[in-house]
């Protein structure tokens, strides 16, 4: 079961603009793989990603609205 959070995060990108990591609650999570994206740039995009952090591997959903990112859900992997 996932946890609904809807909390702001600071996203990191590589020079090509791909999401590579994010910081949430003082911890950094590396994005290992983008599993799925949906939504539109006008309505906001959602990225489902596999991440690795200090606590191990998880699946997270990040919402992007312009340059604002939010951690929407986090699931155990």
N, C-alpha and C. Protein backbone atom coordinates (compact mmCIF):
# COMPACT_ATOMS: atom_id res chain seq x y z
N UNK A 1 0.85 -1.17 0.00
CA UNK A 1 0.00 0.00 0.00
C UNK A 1 0.90 1.23 0.00
N UNK A 2 0.50 2.25 -0.73
CA UNK A 2 1.29 3.48 -0.82
C UNK A 2 0.84 4.50 0.21
N UNK A 3 1.68 5.49 0.39
CA UNK A 3 1.39 6.59 1.31
C UNK A 3 1.21 7.87 0.51
N UNK A 4 0.07 8.53 0.67
CA UNK A 4 -0.19 9.81 0.02
C UNK A 4 0.51 10.90 0.82
N UNK A 5 1.37 11.67 0.14
CA UNK A 5 2.15 12.69 0.83
C UNK A 5 1.86 14.09 0.32
N UNK A 6 2.00 14.30 -0.99
CA UNK A 6 1.79 15.60 -1.62
C UNK A 6 2.66 16.69 -0.96
N UNK A 7 3.96 16.39 -0.83
CA UNK A 7 4.90 17.32 -0.22
C UNK A 7 5.90 17.83 -1.25
N UNK A 8 6.34 19.08 -1.12
CA UNK A 8 7.30 19.62 -2.07
C UNK A 8 8.67 18.93 -1.97
N UNK A 9 9.34 18.78 -3.11
CA UNK A 9 10.70 18.24 -3.18
C UNK A 9 11.54 19.15 -4.06
N UNK A 10 12.85 19.01 -3.92
CA UNK A 10 13.78 19.71 -4.80
C UNK A 10 14.33 18.69 -5.78
N UNK A 11 13.99 18.85 -7.07
CA UNK A 11 14.39 17.90 -8.10
C UNK A 11 15.74 18.28 -8.68
N UNK A 12 16.52 17.25 -9.09
CA UNK A 12 17.79 17.44 -9.77
C UNK A 12 17.68 16.83 -11.16
N UNK A 13 18.37 17.47 -12.12
CA UNK A 13 18.31 17.03 -13.52
C UNK A 13 19.71 16.95 -14.11
N UNK A 14 19.89 16.11 -15.12
CA UNK A 14 21.16 16.09 -15.84
C UNK A 14 21.13 17.18 -16.91
N UNK A 15 22.23 17.40 -17.63
CA UNK A 15 22.27 18.46 -18.65
C UNK A 15 21.20 18.32 -19.74
N UNK A 16 20.73 17.09 -19.99
CA UNK A 16 19.69 16.87 -21.00
C UNK A 16 18.29 17.12 -20.44
N UNK A 17 18.18 17.43 -19.15
CA UNK A 17 16.88 17.71 -18.55
C UNK A 17 16.18 16.52 -17.93
N UNK A 18 16.83 15.36 -17.90
CA UNK A 18 16.22 14.16 -17.31
C UNK A 18 16.31 14.22 -15.79
N UNK A 19 15.26 13.77 -15.13
CA UNK A 19 15.20 13.71 -13.67
C UNK A 19 16.22 12.68 -13.18
N UNK A 20 17.13 13.09 -12.30
CA UNK A 20 18.16 12.18 -11.81
C UNK A 20 18.05 11.91 -10.31
N UNK A 21 17.47 12.83 -9.55
CA UNK A 21 17.37 12.67 -8.10
C UNK A 21 16.41 13.72 -7.55
N UNK A 22 16.04 13.53 -6.28
CA UNK A 22 15.28 14.57 -5.58
C UNK A 22 15.63 14.54 -4.11
N UNK A 23 15.42 15.67 -3.45
CA UNK A 23 15.62 15.77 -2.00
C UNK A 23 14.26 15.95 -1.34
N UNK A 24 14.06 15.17 -0.26
CA UNK A 24 12.80 15.22 0.47
C UNK A 24 13.10 15.00 1.95
N UNK A 25 12.62 15.91 2.78
CA UNK A 25 12.80 15.82 4.24
C UNK A 25 14.26 15.63 4.62
N UNK A 26 15.16 16.33 3.92
CA UNK A 26 16.57 16.30 4.26
C UNK A 26 17.35 15.11 3.72
N UNK A 27 16.70 14.21 2.98
CA UNK A 27 17.39 13.05 2.40
C UNK A 27 17.36 13.14 0.88
N UNK A 28 18.39 12.56 0.25
CA UNK A 28 18.49 12.56 -1.21
C UNK A 28 18.16 11.16 -1.72
N UNK A 29 17.37 11.12 -2.80
CA UNK A 29 16.96 9.88 -3.43
C UNK A 29 17.37 9.91 -4.89
N UNK A 30 18.17 8.94 -5.30
CA UNK A 30 18.62 8.84 -6.69
C UNK A 30 17.54 8.15 -7.51
N UNK A 31 17.23 8.70 -8.67
CA UNK A 31 16.25 8.09 -9.57
C UNK A 31 16.97 7.04 -10.41
N UNK A 32 16.64 5.78 -10.20
CA UNK A 32 17.25 4.68 -10.94
C UNK A 32 16.61 4.50 -12.31
N UNK A 33 15.29 4.71 -12.37
CA UNK A 33 14.57 4.47 -13.62
C UNK A 33 13.23 5.19 -13.57
N UNK A 34 12.84 5.78 -14.70
CA UNK A 34 11.49 6.32 -14.84
C UNK A 34 10.63 5.17 -15.37
N UNK A 35 9.66 4.75 -14.59
CA UNK A 35 8.83 3.61 -14.95
C UNK A 35 7.67 4.01 -15.85
N UNK A 36 7.12 5.21 -15.62
CA UNK A 36 5.95 5.65 -16.38
C UNK A 36 5.78 7.15 -16.22
N UNK A 37 5.29 7.81 -17.25
CA UNK A 37 4.91 9.22 -17.15
C UNK A 37 3.51 9.36 -17.71
N UNK A 38 2.74 10.26 -17.15
CA UNK A 38 1.42 10.54 -17.70
C UNK A 38 1.02 11.96 -17.36
N UNK A 39 -0.02 12.44 -18.00
CA UNK A 39 -0.45 13.82 -17.85
C UNK A 39 0.11 14.67 -18.97
N UNK A 40 -0.25 15.94 -18.96
CA UNK A 40 0.22 16.87 -19.98
C UNK A 40 1.00 18.00 -19.32
N UNK A 41 1.78 18.70 -20.12
CA UNK A 41 2.55 19.80 -19.55
C UNK A 41 1.64 20.92 -19.07
N UNK A 42 0.46 21.07 -19.68
CA UNK A 42 -0.49 22.10 -19.24
C UNK A 42 -1.16 21.72 -17.92
N UNK A 43 -1.55 20.46 -17.78
CA UNK A 43 -2.25 20.00 -16.58
C UNK A 43 -1.30 19.52 -15.49
N UNK A 44 -0.03 19.34 -15.83
CA UNK A 44 0.95 18.79 -14.91
C UNK A 44 1.26 17.35 -15.25
N UNK A 45 2.52 17.00 -15.19
CA UNK A 45 2.93 15.63 -15.50
C UNK A 45 3.19 14.88 -14.21
N UNK A 46 3.03 13.58 -14.26
CA UNK A 46 3.30 12.70 -13.13
C UNK A 46 4.34 11.68 -13.59
N UNK A 47 5.35 11.49 -12.77
CA UNK A 47 6.43 10.55 -13.06
C UNK A 47 6.42 9.47 -11.99
N UNK A 48 6.32 8.23 -12.41
CA UNK A 48 6.47 7.10 -11.48
C UNK A 48 7.90 6.60 -11.66
N UNK A 49 8.68 6.61 -10.57
CA UNK A 49 10.11 6.31 -10.67
C UNK A 49 10.53 5.30 -9.61
N UNK A 50 11.58 4.54 -9.93
CA UNK A 50 12.21 3.67 -8.94
C UNK A 50 13.39 4.46 -8.38
N UNK A 51 13.46 4.56 -7.06
CA UNK A 51 14.49 5.38 -6.41
C UNK A 51 15.27 4.54 -5.40
N UNK A 52 16.49 5.00 -5.13
CA UNK A 52 17.32 4.42 -4.09
C UNK A 52 17.74 5.52 -3.14
N UNK A 53 17.53 5.27 -1.87
CA UNK A 53 17.93 6.22 -0.82
C UNK A 53 18.58 5.47 0.32
N UNK A 54 18.83 6.15 1.40
CA UNK A 54 19.48 5.54 2.56
C UNK A 54 18.67 4.38 3.12
N UNK A 55 17.35 4.40 2.94
CA UNK A 55 16.47 3.36 3.48
C UNK A 55 16.22 2.23 2.50
N UNK A 56 16.86 2.26 1.32
CA UNK A 56 16.70 1.20 0.34
C UNK A 56 15.97 1.67 -0.91
N UNK A 57 15.35 0.72 -1.59
CA UNK A 57 14.69 0.96 -2.87
C UNK A 57 13.19 1.16 -2.65
N UNK A 58 12.61 2.09 -3.39
CA UNK A 58 11.17 2.36 -3.32
C UNK A 58 10.69 2.81 -4.69
N UNK A 59 9.39 2.87 -4.85
CA UNK A 59 8.77 3.45 -6.04
C UNK A 59 8.03 4.70 -5.59
N UNK A 60 8.25 5.80 -6.31
CA UNK A 60 7.65 7.07 -5.93
C UNK A 60 6.92 7.67 -7.11
N UNK A 61 5.89 8.45 -6.84
CA UNK A 61 5.22 9.25 -7.85
C UNK A 61 5.49 10.71 -7.56
N UNK A 62 6.09 11.38 -8.54
CA UNK A 62 6.40 12.80 -8.43
C UNK A 62 5.53 13.57 -9.40
N UNK A 63 4.92 14.63 -8.94
CA UNK A 63 4.13 15.50 -9.79
C UNK A 63 4.92 16.74 -10.14
N UNK A 64 4.83 17.16 -11.40
CA UNK A 64 5.54 18.36 -11.84
C UNK A 64 4.53 19.32 -12.44
N UNK A 65 4.53 20.55 -11.93
CA UNK A 65 3.71 21.62 -12.46
C UNK A 65 4.65 22.79 -12.71
N UNK A 66 4.99 23.02 -13.97
CA UNK A 66 6.01 23.98 -14.37
C UNK A 66 7.32 23.58 -13.71
N UNK A 67 7.91 24.41 -12.86
CA UNK A 67 9.16 24.07 -12.19
C UNK A 67 8.96 23.62 -10.75
N UNK A 68 7.73 23.41 -10.35
CA UNK A 68 7.44 22.95 -8.99
C UNK A 68 7.24 21.43 -9.00
N UNK A 69 7.93 20.76 -8.10
CA UNK A 69 7.83 19.31 -7.97
C UNK A 69 7.25 18.96 -6.61
N UNK A 70 6.44 17.89 -6.57
CA UNK A 70 5.86 17.41 -5.32
C UNK A 70 5.95 15.88 -5.31
N UNK A 71 6.26 15.34 -4.15
CA UNK A 71 6.22 13.90 -3.94
C UNK A 71 4.78 13.55 -3.62
N UNK A 72 4.12 12.87 -4.54
CA UNK A 72 2.70 12.56 -4.38
C UNK A 72 2.49 11.29 -3.56
N UNK A 73 3.15 10.21 -3.97
CA UNK A 73 3.00 8.92 -3.30
C UNK A 73 4.37 8.25 -3.19
N UNK A 74 4.49 7.37 -2.21
CA UNK A 74 5.67 6.51 -2.13
C UNK A 74 5.20 5.10 -1.78
N UNK A 75 5.78 4.13 -2.46
CA UNK A 75 5.41 2.72 -2.31
C UNK A 75 6.65 1.91 -1.96
N UNK A 76 6.51 0.87 -1.18
CA UNK A 76 7.61 -0.06 -0.93
C UNK A 76 7.88 -0.82 -2.22
N UNK A 77 9.16 -1.08 -2.47
CA UNK A 77 9.51 -1.82 -3.70
C UNK A 77 9.71 -3.28 -3.39
